[in-house]
Every structure is written in C-alpha cells, then in structure tokens.
Amino acid sequence: MPIEKPSEAEDVYFARLEFERKRKVAEERERQMREEERRRLQELQRMRCPKCGMELVEIEYRAVKIDKCTGCAGIWLDGGELERVMEDAAGFLGGVFRIFKR
C-alpha cells in the first residue's frame, strides 16, 4: 500500500496549528517573565526612599504609621494618611490642607 503524501491544505492546517501552539507558549513565557520582573523590582524598591534610595522606617504620628527615610529624613505618606493626619490639624497646616482637599 503506497503512502500518500499530505495535501497542501493539510500541510497548511498542521503548520497553522503548530504556529498557534508555539505562539501561545511564547506568550505565556513572556507573561511569566514580566511578572517575575515586576516582583523583582517591587522587592528591590520595597521600603526604600524614592528620593535617595535609603531604607524607610515606620514611625507613628497621631496614631498614623508613616514612613521616614533613614538617609534624607524625608517623610512619605501612603494613600489616605495625609487626610488622617490633618483631620485634627489647625492653623497654617489646616489651611494648606483645605486648599489641596478641594
């Protein structure tokens, strides 16, 4: 019994299937690499000062934990912390806060 050669349409069909499989594998590998890079960068920057790169330590101010740089002494606030610190502020700082709150 002679072996029949696949038709051109069959060759194209199987080539397309193989191409799609390889494309999906490459996309998954790229997604994993991006995720690993994101995690690596996040770990490198975790609790580091955005200005000088030194370590940040948490200090408590008016029952709010804020981040203070050990190098440049900068203060860094997370979302919502400024509002909590300024809730009971009066005088100049209270006025400045009201300007930015609008």
PDB file of N, CA and C in Angstrom:
ATOM      1  N   MET A   1       0.843  -1.164   0.000  1.00  0.00           N
ATOM      2  CA  MET A   1       0.000   0.000   0.000  1.00  0.00           C
ATOM      3  C   MET A   1       0.900   1.245   0.000  1.00  0.00           C
ATOM      4  N   PRO A   2       0.746   2.087  -0.981  1.00  0.00           N
ATOM      5  CA  PRO A   2       1.587   3.279  -1.076  1.00  0.00           C
ATOM      6  C   PRO A   2       1.174   4.332  -0.035  1.00  0.00           C
ATOM      7  N   ILE A   3       2.174   5.042   0.497  1.00  0.00           N
ATOM      8  CA  ILE A   3       1.917   6.110   1.463  1.00  0.00           C
ATOM      9  C   ILE A   3       1.588   7.374   0.680  1.00  0.00           C
ATOM     10  N   GLU A   4       0.440   7.938   1.040  1.00  0.00           N
ATOM     11  CA  GLU A   4       0.039   9.154   0.339  1.00  0.00           C
ATOM     12  C   GLU A   4       0.672  10.369   0.992  1.00  0.00           C
ATOM     13  N   LYS A   5       1.118  11.249   0.158  1.00  0.00           N
ATOM     14  CA  LYS A   5       1.691  12.494   0.621  1.00  0.00           C
ATOM     15  C   LYS A   5       0.541  13.417   1.041  1.00  0.00           C
ATOM     16  N   PRO A   6       0.663  14.119   2.204  1.00  0.00           N
ATOM     17  CA  PRO A   6      -0.416  15.013   2.612  1.00  0.00           C
ATOM     18  C   PRO A   6      -0.614  16.126   1.585  1.00  0.00           C
ATOM     19  N   SER A   7      -1.849  16.534   1.468  1.00  0.00           N
ATOM     20  CA  SER A   7      -2.143  17.614   0.526  1.00  0.00           C
ATOM     21  C   SER A   7      -1.591  18.928   1.069  1.00  0.00           C
ATOM     22  N   GLU A   8      -1.536  19.904   0.193  1.00  0.00           N
ATOM     23  CA  GLU A   8      -1.035  21.217   0.603  1.00  0.00           C
ATOM     24  C   GLU A   8      -1.933  21.830   1.674  1.00  0.00           C
ATOM     25  N   ALA A   9      -3.230  21.612   1.584  1.00  0.00           N
ATOM     26  CA  ALA A   9      -4.167  22.145   2.580  1.00  0.00           C
ATOM     27  C   ALA A   9      -3.897  21.533   3.953  1.00  0.00           C
ATOM     28  N   GLU A  10      -3.584  20.224   3.966  1.00  0.00           N
ATOM     29  CA  GLU A  10      -3.260  19.582   5.244  1.00  0.00           C
ATOM     30  C   GLU A  10      -1.961  20.135   5.815  1.00  0.00           C
ATOM     31  N   ASP A  11      -0.976  20.336   4.966  1.00  0.00           N
ATOM     32  CA  ASP A  11       0.292  20.922   5.418  1.00  0.00           C
ATOM     33  C   ASP A  11       0.055  22.296   6.037  1.00  0.00           C
ATOM     34  N   VAL A  12      -0.759  23.108   5.388  1.00  0.00           N
ATOM     35  CA  VAL A  12      -1.050  24.453   5.879  1.00  0.00           C
ATOM     36  C   VAL A  12      -1.792  24.366   7.212  1.00  0.00           C
ATOM     37  N   TYR A  13      -2.766  23.465   7.296  1.00  0.00           N
ATOM     38  CA  TYR A  13      -3.553  23.305   8.523  1.00  0.00           C
ATOM     39  C   TYR A  13      -2.653  22.940   9.700  1.00  0.00           C
ATOM     40  N   PHE A  14      -1.814  21.931   9.529  1.00  0.00           N
ATOM     41  CA  PHE A  14      -0.944  21.494  10.629  1.00  0.00           C
ATOM     42  C   PHE A  14       0.139  22.523  10.941  1.00  0.00           C
ATOM     43  N   ALA A  15       0.621  23.220   9.923  1.00  0.00           N
ATOM     44  CA  ALA A  15       1.597  24.283  10.157  1.00  0.00           C
ATOM     45  C   ALA A  15       0.954  25.395  10.980  1.00  0.00           C
ATOM     46  N   ARG A  16      -0.304  25.724  10.680  1.00  0.00           N
ATOM     47  CA  ARG A  16      -1.004  26.762  11.438  1.00  0.00           C
ATOM     48  C   ARG A  16      -1.215  26.324  12.882  1.00  0.00           C
ATOM     49  N   LEU A  17      -1.602  25.067  13.098  1.00  0.00           N
ATOM     50  CA  LEU A  17      -1.769  24.560  14.461  1.00  0.00           C
ATOM     51  C   LEU A  17      -0.465  24.646  15.247  1.00  0.00           C
ATOM     52  N   GLU A  18       0.625  24.248  14.618  1.00  0.00           N
ATOM     53  CA  GLU A  18       1.930  24.285  15.278  1.00  0.00           C
ATOM     54  C   GLU A  18       2.339  25.730  15.584  1.00  0.00           C
ATOM     55  N   PHE A  19       2.080  26.627  14.630  1.00  0.00           N
ATOM     56  CA  PHE A  19       2.398  28.040  14.836  1.00  0.00           C
ATOM     57  C   PHE A  19       1.607  28.593  16.018  1.00  0.00           C
ATOM     58  N   GLU A  20       0.314  28.311  16.097  1.00  0.00           N
ATOM     59  CA  GLU A  20      -0.526  28.796  17.202  1.00  0.00           C
ATOM     60  C   GLU A  20      -0.058  28.234  18.540  1.00  0.00           C
ATOM     61  N   ARG A  21       0.312  26.965  18.559  1.00  0.00           N
ATOM     62  CA  ARG A  21       0.804  26.359  19.792  1.00  0.00           C
ATOM     63  C   ARG A  21       2.083  27.047  20.259  1.00  0.00           C
ATOM     64  N   LYS A  22       3.011  27.275  19.332  1.00  0.00           N
ATOM     65  CA  LYS A  22       4.270  27.934  19.685  1.00  0.00           C
ATOM     66  C   LYS A  22       4.029  29.377  20.115  1.00  0.00           C
ATOM     67  N   ARG A  23       3.088  30.054  19.484  1.00  0.00           N
ATOM     68  CA  ARG A  23       2.766  31.430  19.841  1.00  0.00           C
ATOM     69  C   ARG A  23       2.221  31.498  21.264  1.00  0.00           C
ATOM     70  N   LYS A  24       1.316  30.581  21.610  1.00  0.00           N
ATOM     71  CA  LYS A  24       0.752  30.561  22.957  1.00  0.00           C
ATOM     72  C   LYS A  24       1.824  30.275  24.003  1.00  0.00           C
ATOM     73  N   VAL A  25       2.717  29.369  23.704  1.00  0.00           N
ATOM     74  CA  VAL A  25       3.813  29.054  24.629  1.00  0.00           C
ATOM     75  C   VAL A  25       4.707  30.285  24.819  1.00  0.00           C
ATOM     76  N   ALA A  26       5.023  30.973  23.722  1.00  0.00           N
ATOM     77  CA  ALA A  26       5.875  32.162  23.804  1.00  0.00           C
ATOM     78  C   ALA A  26       5.177  33.278  24.585  1.00  0.00           C
ATOM     79  N   GLU A  27       3.887  33.473  24.363  1.00  0.00           N
ATOM     80  CA  GLU A  27       3.143  34.497  25.094  1.00  0.00           C
ATOM     81  C   GLU A  27       3.108  34.195  26.585  1.00  0.00           C
ATOM     82  N   GLU A  28       2.901  32.938  26.948  1.00  0.00           N
ATOM     83  CA  GLU A  28       2.880  32.543  28.362  1.00  0.00           C
ATOM     84  C   GLU A  28       4.252  32.754  28.999  1.00  0.00           C
ATOM     85  N   ARG A  29       5.303  32.395  28.286  1.00  0.00           N
ATOM     86  CA  ARG A  29       6.667  32.584  28.794  1.00  0.00           C
ATOM     87  C   ARG A  29       6.946  34.081  28.999  1.00  0.00           C
ATOM     88  N   GLU A  30       6.516  34.911  28.050  1.00  0.00           N
ATOM     89  CA  GLU A  30       6.711  36.358  28.167  1.00  0.00           C
ATOM     90  C   GLU A  30       5.916  36.919  29.344  1.00  0.00           C
ATOM     91  N   ARG A  31       4.695  36.455  29.553  1.00  0.00           N
ATOM     92  CA  ARG A  31       3.873  36.904  30.668  1.00  0.00           C
ATOM     93  C   ARG A  31       4.536  36.553  31.992  1.00  0.00           C
ATOM     94  N   GLN A  32       5.068  35.331  32.091  1.00  0.00           N
ATOM     95  CA  GLN A  32       5.753  34.906  33.305  1.00  0.00           C
ATOM     96  C   GLN A  32       7.008  35.739  33.561  1.00  0.00           C
ATOM     97  N   MET A  33       7.748  36.060  32.505  1.00  0.00           N
ATOM     98  CA  MET A  33       8.954  36.871  32.661  1.00  0.00           C
ATOM     99  C   MET A  33       8.601  38.281  33.128  1.00  0.00           C
ATOM    100  N   ARG A  34       7.533  38.859  32.573  1.00  0.00           N
ATOM    101  CA  ARG A  34       7.100  40.190  33.015  1.00  0.00           C
ATOM    102  C   ARG A  34       6.686  40.170  34.483  1.00  0.00           C
ATOM    103  N   GLU A  35       5.965  39.132  34.881  1.00  0.00           N
ATOM    104  CA  GLU A  35       5.523  39.012  36.268  1.00  0.00           C
ATOM    105  C   GLU A  35       6.715  38.853  37.214  1.00  0.00           C
ATOM    106  N   GLU A  36       7.686  38.038  36.833  1.00  0.00           N
ATOM    107  CA  GLU A  36       8.884  37.855  37.653  1.00  0.00           C
ATOM    108  C   GLU A  36       9.671  39.161  37.765  1.00  0.00           C
ATOM    109  N   GLU A  37       9.770  39.899  36.658  1.00  0.00           N
ATOM    110  CA  GLU A  37      10.484  41.180  36.678  1.00  0.00           C
ATOM    111  C   GLU A  37       9.756  42.181  37.560  1.00  0.00           C
ATOM    112  N   ARG A  38       8.427  42.211  37.497  1.00  0.00           N
ATOM    113  CA  ARG A  38       7.634  43.106  38.340  1.00  0.00           C
ATOM    114  C   ARG A  38       7.864  42.785  39.817  1.00  0.00           C
ATOM    115  N   ARG A  39       7.841  41.485  40.160  1.00  0.00           N
ATOM    116  CA  ARG A  39       8.089  41.077  41.545  1.00  0.00           C
ATOM    117  C   ARG A  39       9.501  41.442  42.000  1.00  0.00           C
ATOM    118  N   ARG A  40      10.480  41.247  41.113  1.00  0.00           N
ATOM    119  CA  ARG A  40      11.872  41.553  41.453  1.00  0.00           C
ATOM    120  C   ARG A  40      12.037  43.055  41.714  1.00  0.00           C
ATOM    121  N   LEU A  41      11.478  43.881  40.853  1.00  0.00           N
ATOM    122  CA  LEU A  41      11.570  45.327  41.043  1.00  0.00           C
ATOM    123  C   LEU A  41      10.844  45.770  42.299  1.00  0.00           C
ATOM    124  N   GLN A  42       9.704  45.168  42.547  1.00  0.00           N
ATOM    125  CA  GLN A  42       8.937  45.514  43.742  1.00  0.00           C
ATOM    126  C   GLN A  42       9.741  45.182  44.998  1.00  0.00           C
ATOM    127  N   GLU A  43      10.411  44.057  44.994  1.00  0.00           N
ATOM    128  CA  GLU A  43      11.217  43.650  46.143  1.00  0.00           C
ATOM    129  C   GLU A  43      12.410  44.585  46.331  1.00  0.00           C
ATOM    130  N   LEU A  44      13.035  45.023  45.233  1.00  0.00           N
ATOM    131  CA  LEU A  44      14.173  45.937  45.331  1.00  0.00           C
ATOM    132  C   LEU A  44      13.766  47.299  45.886  1.00  0.00           C
ATOM    133  N   GLN A  45      12.559  47.747  45.552  1.00  0.00           N
ATOM    134  CA  GLN A  45      12.119  49.075  45.941  1.00  0.00           C
ATOM    135  C   GLN A  45      11.317  49.089  47.235  1.00  0.00           C
ATOM    136  N   ARG A  46      10.975  47.958  47.753  1.00  0.00           N
ATOM    137  CA  ARG A  46      10.146  47.886  48.941  1.00  0.00           C
ATOM    138  C   ARG A  46      10.814  48.585  50.117  1.00  0.00           C
ATOM    139  N   MET A  47      10.081  49.516  50.704  1.00  0.00           N
ATOM    140  CA  MET A  47      10.539  50.287  51.857  1.00  0.00           C
ATOM    141  C   MET A  47      11.864  50.992  51.579  1.00  0.00           C
ATOM    142  N   ARG A  48      11.976  51.579  50.401  1.00  0.00           N
ATOM    143  CA  ARG A  48      13.123  52.398  50.030  1.00  0.00           C
ATOM    144  C   ARG A  48      12.639  53.805  49.708  1.00  0.00           C
ATOM    145  N   CYS A  49      13.437  54.774  50.048  1.00  0.00           N
ATOM    146  CA  CYS A  49      13.098  56.179  49.811  1.00  0.00           C
ATOM    147  C   CYS A  49      13.111  56.462  48.308  1.00  0.00           C
ATOM    148  N   PRO A  50      12.042  57.067  47.773  1.00  0.00           N
ATOM    149  CA  PRO A  50      12.028  57.394  46.353  1.00  0.00           C
ATOM    150  C   PRO A  50      13.043  58.482  45.991  1.00  0.00           C
ATOM    151  N   LYS A  51      13.474  59.260  46.971  1.00  0.00           N
ATOM    152  CA  LYS A  51      14.404  60.364  46.711  1.00  0.00           C
ATOM    153  C   LYS A  51      15.857  59.906  46.729  1.00  0.00           C
ATOM    154  N   CYS A  52      16.265  59.219  47.798  1.00  0.00           N
ATOM    155  CA  CYS A  52      17.687  58.872  47.933  1.00  0.00           C
ATOM    156  C   CYS A  52      17.954  57.365  47.926  1.00  0.00           C
ATOM    157  N   GLY A  53      16.922  56.544  48.038  1.00  0.00           N
ATOM    158  CA  GLY A  53      17.098  55.095  47.981  1.00  0.00           C
ATOM    159  C   GLY A  53      17.436  54.427  49.299  1.00  0.00           C
ATOM    160  N   MET A  54      17.532  55.194  50.360  1.00  0.00           N
ATOM    161  CA  MET A  54      17.844  54.603  51.663  1.00  0.00           C
ATOM    162  C   MET A  54      16.605  53.909  52.224  1.00  0.00           C
ATOM    163  N   GLU A  55      16.807  53.188  53.311  1.00  0.00           N
ATOM    164  CA  GLU A  55      15.718  52.418  53.918  1.00  0.00           C
ATOM    165  C   GLU A  55      14.697  53.345  54.591  1.00  0.00           C
ATOM    166  N   LEU A  56      13.416  52.972  54.475  1.00  0.00           N
ATOM    167  CA  LEU A  56      12.352  53.685  55.164  1.00  0.00           C
ATOM    168  C   LEU A  56      11.981  52.919  56.427  1.00  0.00           C
ATOM    169  N   VAL A  57      11.723  53.660  57.496  1.00  0.00           N
ATOM    170  CA  VAL A  57      11.251  53.047  58.731  1.00  0.00           C
ATOM    171  C   VAL A  57       9.881  53.634  59.050  1.00  0.00           C
ATOM    172  N   GLU A  58       9.027  52.815  59.627  1.00  0.00           N
ATOM    173  CA  GLU A  58       7.702  53.292  60.007  1.00  0.00           C
ATOM    174  C   GLU A  58       7.769  53.973  61.366  1.00  0.00           C
ATOM    175  N   ILE A  59       7.185  55.170  61.438  1.00  0.00           N
ATOM    176  CA  ILE A  59       7.059  55.862  62.722  1.00  0.00           C
ATOM    177  C   ILE A  59       5.581  56.173  62.915  1.00  0.00           C
ATOM    178  N   GLU A  60       5.194  56.318  64.145  1.00  0.00           N
ATOM    179  CA  GLU A  60       3.795  56.609  64.421  1.00  0.00           C
ATOM    180  C   GLU A  60       3.649  58.092  64.737  1.00  0.00           C
ATOM    181  N   TYR A  61       2.715  58.739  64.051  1.00  0.00           N
ATOM    182  CA  TYR A  61       2.441  60.147  64.268  1.00  0.00           C
ATOM    183  C   TYR A  61       0.934  60.325  64.314  1.00  0.00           C
ATOM    184  N   ARG A  62       0.421  60.766  65.449  1.00  0.00           N
ATOM    185  CA  ARG A  62      -1.019  60.947  65.643  1.00  0.00           C
ATOM    186  C   ARG A  62      -1.789  59.684  65.268  1.00  0.00           C
ATOM    187  N   ALA A  63      -1.332  58.571  65.751  1.00  0.00           N
ATOM    188  CA  ALA A  63      -1.944  57.255  65.539  1.00  0.00           C
ATOM    189  C   ALA A  63      -1.949  56.829  64.079  1.00  0.00           C
ATOM    190  N   VAL A  64      -1.068  57.415  63.278  1.00  0.00           N
ATOM    191  CA  VAL A  64      -0.934  57.040  61.870  1.00  0.00           C
ATOM    192  C   VAL A  64       0.501  56.602  61.645  1.00  0.00           C
ATOM    193  N   LYS A  65       0.680  55.440  61.033  1.00  0.00           N
ATOM    194  CA  LYS A  65       2.032  54.968  60.738  1.00  0.00           C
ATOM    195  C   LYS A  65       2.469  55.560  59.402  1.00  0.00           C
ATOM    196  N   ILE A  66       3.531  56.376  59.456  1.00  0.00           N
ATOM    197  CA  ILE A  66       4.068  56.991  58.249  1.00  0.00           C
ATOM    198  C   ILE A  66       5.501  56.512  58.061  1.00  0.00           C
ATOM    199  N   ASP A  67       6.032  56.670  56.858  1.00  0.00           N
ATOM    200  CA  ASP A  67       7.367  56.190  56.524  1.00  0.00           C
ATOM    201  C   ASP A  67       8.353  57.354  56.560  1.00  0.00           C
ATOM    202  N   LYS A  68       9.474  57.146  57.264  1.00  0.00           N
ATOM    203  CA  LYS A  68      10.521  58.164  57.355  1.00  0.00           C
ATOM    204  C   LYS A  68      11.823  57.578  56.828  1.00  0.00           C
ATOM    205  N   CYS A  69      12.506  58.350  56.012  1.00  0.00           N
ATOM    206  CA  CYS A  69      13.768  57.910  55.426  1.00  0.00           C
ATOM    207  C   CYS A  69      14.896  58.015  56.449  1.00  0.00           C
ATOM    208  N   THR A  70      15.736  56.989  56.492  1.00  0.00           N
ATOM    209  CA  THR A  70      16.875  56.992  57.410  1.00  0.00           C
ATOM    210  C   THR A  70      18.021  57.830  56.865  1.00  0.00           C
ATOM    211  N   GLY A  71      17.983  58.156  55.570  1.00  0.00           N
ATOM    212  CA  GLY A  71      19.062  58.938  54.966  1.00  0.00           C
ATOM    213  C   GLY A  71      18.766  60.426  54.919  1.00  0.00           C
ATOM    214  N   CYS A  72      17.722  60.805  54.178  1.00  0.00           N
ATOM    215  CA  CYS A  72      17.433  62.232  53.976  1.00  0.00           C
ATOM    216  C   CYS A  72      16.374  62.761  54.927  1.00  0.00           C
ATOM    217  N   ALA A  73      15.830  61.909  55.794  1.00  0.00           N
ATOM    218  CA  ALA A  73      14.810  62.268  56.782  1.00  0.00           C
ATOM    219  C   ALA A  73      13.499  62.710  56.148  1.00  0.00           C
ATOM    220  N   GLY A  74      13.298  62.352  54.882  1.00  0.00           N
ATOM    221  CA  GLY A  74      12.034  62.670  54.214  1.00  0.00           C
ATOM    222  C   GLY A  74      10.898  61.847  54.795  1.00  0.00           C
ATOM    223  N   ILE A  75       9.703  62.395  54.708  1.00  0.00           N
ATOM    224  CA  ILE A  75       8.508  61.720  55.204  1.00  0.00           C
ATOM    225  C   ILE A  75       7.659  61.329  54.008  1.00  0.00           C
ATOM    226  N   TRP A  76       7.205  60.090  53.964  1.00  0.00           N
ATOM    227  CA  TRP A  76       6.412  59.583  52.849  1.00  0.00           C
ATOM    228  C   TRP A  76       5.105  59.027  53.390  1.00  0.00           C
ATOM    229  N   LEU A  77       4.014  59.432  52.754  1.00  0.00           N
ATOM    230  CA  LEU A  77       2.685  59.027  53.200  1.00  0.00           C
ATOM    231  C   LEU A  77       2.041  58.104  52.177  1.00  0.00           C
ATOM    232  N   ASP A  78       1.351  57.093  52.676  1.00  0.00           N
ATOM    233  CA  ASP A  78       0.564  56.219  51.819  1.00  0.00           C
ATOM    234  C   ASP A  78      -0.798  56.860  51.610  1.00  0.00           C
ATOM    235  N   GLY A  79      -1.581  56.277  50.717  1.00  0.00           N
ATOM    236  CA  GLY A  79      -2.902  56.809  50.425  1.00  0.00           C
ATOM    237  C   GLY A  79      -3.763  56.926  51.675  1.00  0.00           C
ATOM    238  N   GLY A  80      -4.369  58.103  51.880  1.00  0.00           N
ATOM    239  CA  GLY A  80      -5.272  58.324  52.996  1.00  0.00           C
ATOM    240  C   GLY A  80      -4.597  58.775  54.282  1.00  0.00           C
ATOM    241  N   GLU A  81      -3.286  58.659  54.357  1.00  0.00           N
ATOM    242  CA  GLU A  81      -2.604  59.018  55.599  1.00  0.00           C
ATOM    243  C   GLU A  81      -2.576  60.530  55.822  1.00  0.00           C
ATOM    244  N   LEU A  82      -2.426  61.305  54.770  1.00  0.00           N
ATOM    245  CA  LEU A  82      -2.429  62.761  54.929  1.00  0.00           C
ATOM    246  C   LEU A  82      -3.766  63.230  55.496  1.00  0.00           C
ATOM    247  N   GLU A  83      -4.856  62.695  54.982  1.00  0.00           N
ATOM    248  CA  GLU A  83      -6.179  63.078  55.478  1.00  0.00           C
ATOM    249  C   GLU A  83      -6.327  62.750  56.959  1.00  0.00           C
ATOM    250  N   ARG A  84      -5.835  61.586  57.369  1.00  0.00           N
ATOM    251  CA  ARG A  84      -5.953  61.194  58.773  1.00  0.00           C
ATOM    252  C   ARG A  84      -5.084  62.064  59.672  1.00  0.00           C
ATOM    253  N   VAL A  85      -3.894  62.426  59.206  1.00  0.00           N
ATOM    254  CA  VAL A  85      -3.010  63.276  59.999  1.00  0.00           C
ATOM    255  C   VAL A  85      -3.607  64.673  60.123  1.00  0.00           C
ATOM    256  N   MET A  86      -4.217  65.157  59.061  1.00  0.00           N
ATOM    257  CA  MET A  86      -4.705  66.533  59.034  1.00  0.00           C
ATOM    258  C   MET A  86      -6.124  66.692  59.575  1.00  0.00           C
ATOM    259  N   GLU A  87      -6.790  65.620  59.940  1.00  0.00           N
ATOM    260  CA  GLU A  87      -8.169  65.720  60.438  1.00  0.00           C
ATOM    261  C   GLU A  87      -8.289  66.693  61.602  1.00  0.00           C
ATOM    262  N   ASP A  88      -7.357  66.616  62.512  1.00  0.00           N
ATOM    263  CA  ASP A  88      -7.439  67.468  63.688  1.00  0.00           C
ATOM    264  C   ASP A  88      -6.434  68.627  63.643  1.00  0.00           C
ATOM    265  N   ALA A  89      -5.850  68.869  62.456  1.00  0.00           N
ATOM    266  CA  ALA A  89      -4.869  69.947  62.336  1.00  0.00           C
ATOM    267  C   ALA A  89      -5.571  71.300  62.309  1.00  0.00           C
ATOM    268  N   ALA A  90      -4.930  72.260  62.905  1.00  0.00           N
ATOM    269  CA  ALA A  90      -5.463  73.622  62.925  1.00  0.00           C
ATOM    270  C   ALA A  90      -4.372  74.568  62.452  1.00  0.00           C
ATOM    271  N   GLY A  91      -4.721  75.801  62.283  1.00  0.00           N
ATOM    272  CA  GLY A  91      -3.742  76.815  61.920  1.00  0.00           C
ATOM    273  C   GLY A  91      -3.286  76.706  60.483  1.00  0.00           C
ATOM    274  N   PHE A  92      -2.006  76.994  60.259  1.00  0.00           N
ATOM    275  CA  PHE A  92      -1.441  77.049  58.917  1.00  0.00           C
ATOM    276  C   PHE A  92      -1.587  75.734  58.163  1.00  0.00           C
ATOM    277  N   LEU A  93      -1.194  74.621  58.796  1.00  0.00           N
ATOM    278  CA  LEU A  93      -1.269  73.328  58.117  1.00  0.00           C
ATOM    279  C   LEU A  93      -2.701  72.958  57.758  1.00  0.00           C
ATOM    280  N   GLY A  94      -3.643  73.272  58.634  1.00  0.00           N
ATOM    281  CA  GLY A  94      -5.049  73.005  58.336  1.00  0.00           C
ATOM    282  C   GLY A  94      -5.505  73.797  57.126  1.00  0.00           C
ATOM    283  N   GLY A  95      -5.053  75.059  57.011  1.00  0.00           N
ATOM    284  CA  GLY A  95      -5.411  75.882  55.855  1.00  0.00           C
ATOM    285  C   GLY A  95      -4.804  75.356  54.575  1.00  0.00           C
ATOM    286  N   VAL A  96      -3.552  74.936  54.626  1.00  0.00           N
ATOM    287  CA  VAL A  96      -2.897  74.358  53.451  1.00  0.00           C
ATOM    288  C   VAL A  96      -3.623  73.098  53.021  1.00  0.00           C
ATOM    289  N   PHE A  97      -3.988  72.288  53.990  1.00  0.00           N
ATOM    290  CA  PHE A  97      -4.696  71.045  53.666  1.00  0.00           C
ATOM    291  C   PHE A  97      -6.032  71.331  52.984  1.00  0.00           C
ATOM    292  N   ARG A  98      -6.761  72.333  53.484  1.00  0.00           N
ATOM    293  CA  ARG A  98      -8.054  72.671  52.878  1.00  0.00           C
ATOM    294  C   ARG A  98      -7.896  73.138  51.439  1.00  0.00           C
ATOM    295  N   ILE A  99      -6.778  73.791  51.114  1.00  0.00           N
ATOM    296  CA  ILE A  99      -6.529  74.223  49.732  1.00  0.00           C
ATOM    297  C   ILE A  99      -6.411  73.007  48.824  1.00  0.00           C
ATOM    298  N   PHE A 100      -5.648  72.008  49.233  1.00  0.00           N
ATOM    299  CA  PHE A 100      -5.396  70.844  48.396  1.00  0.00           C
ATOM    300  C   PHE A 100      -6.552  69.847  48.414  1.00  0.00           C
ATOM    301  N   LYS A 101      -7.411  69.933  49.380  1.00  0.00           N
ATOM    302  CA  LYS A 101      -8.528  68.982  49.516  1.00  0.00           C
ATOM    303  C   LYS A 101      -9.607  69.245  48.480  1.00  0.00           C
ATOM    304  N   ARG A 102      -9.690  70.443  47.970  1.00  0.00           N
ATOM    305  CA  ARG A 102     -10.752  70.800  47.012  1.00  0.00           C
ATOM    306  C   ARG A 102     -10.687  70.012  45.768  1.00  0.00           C
TER     307      ARG A 102
END
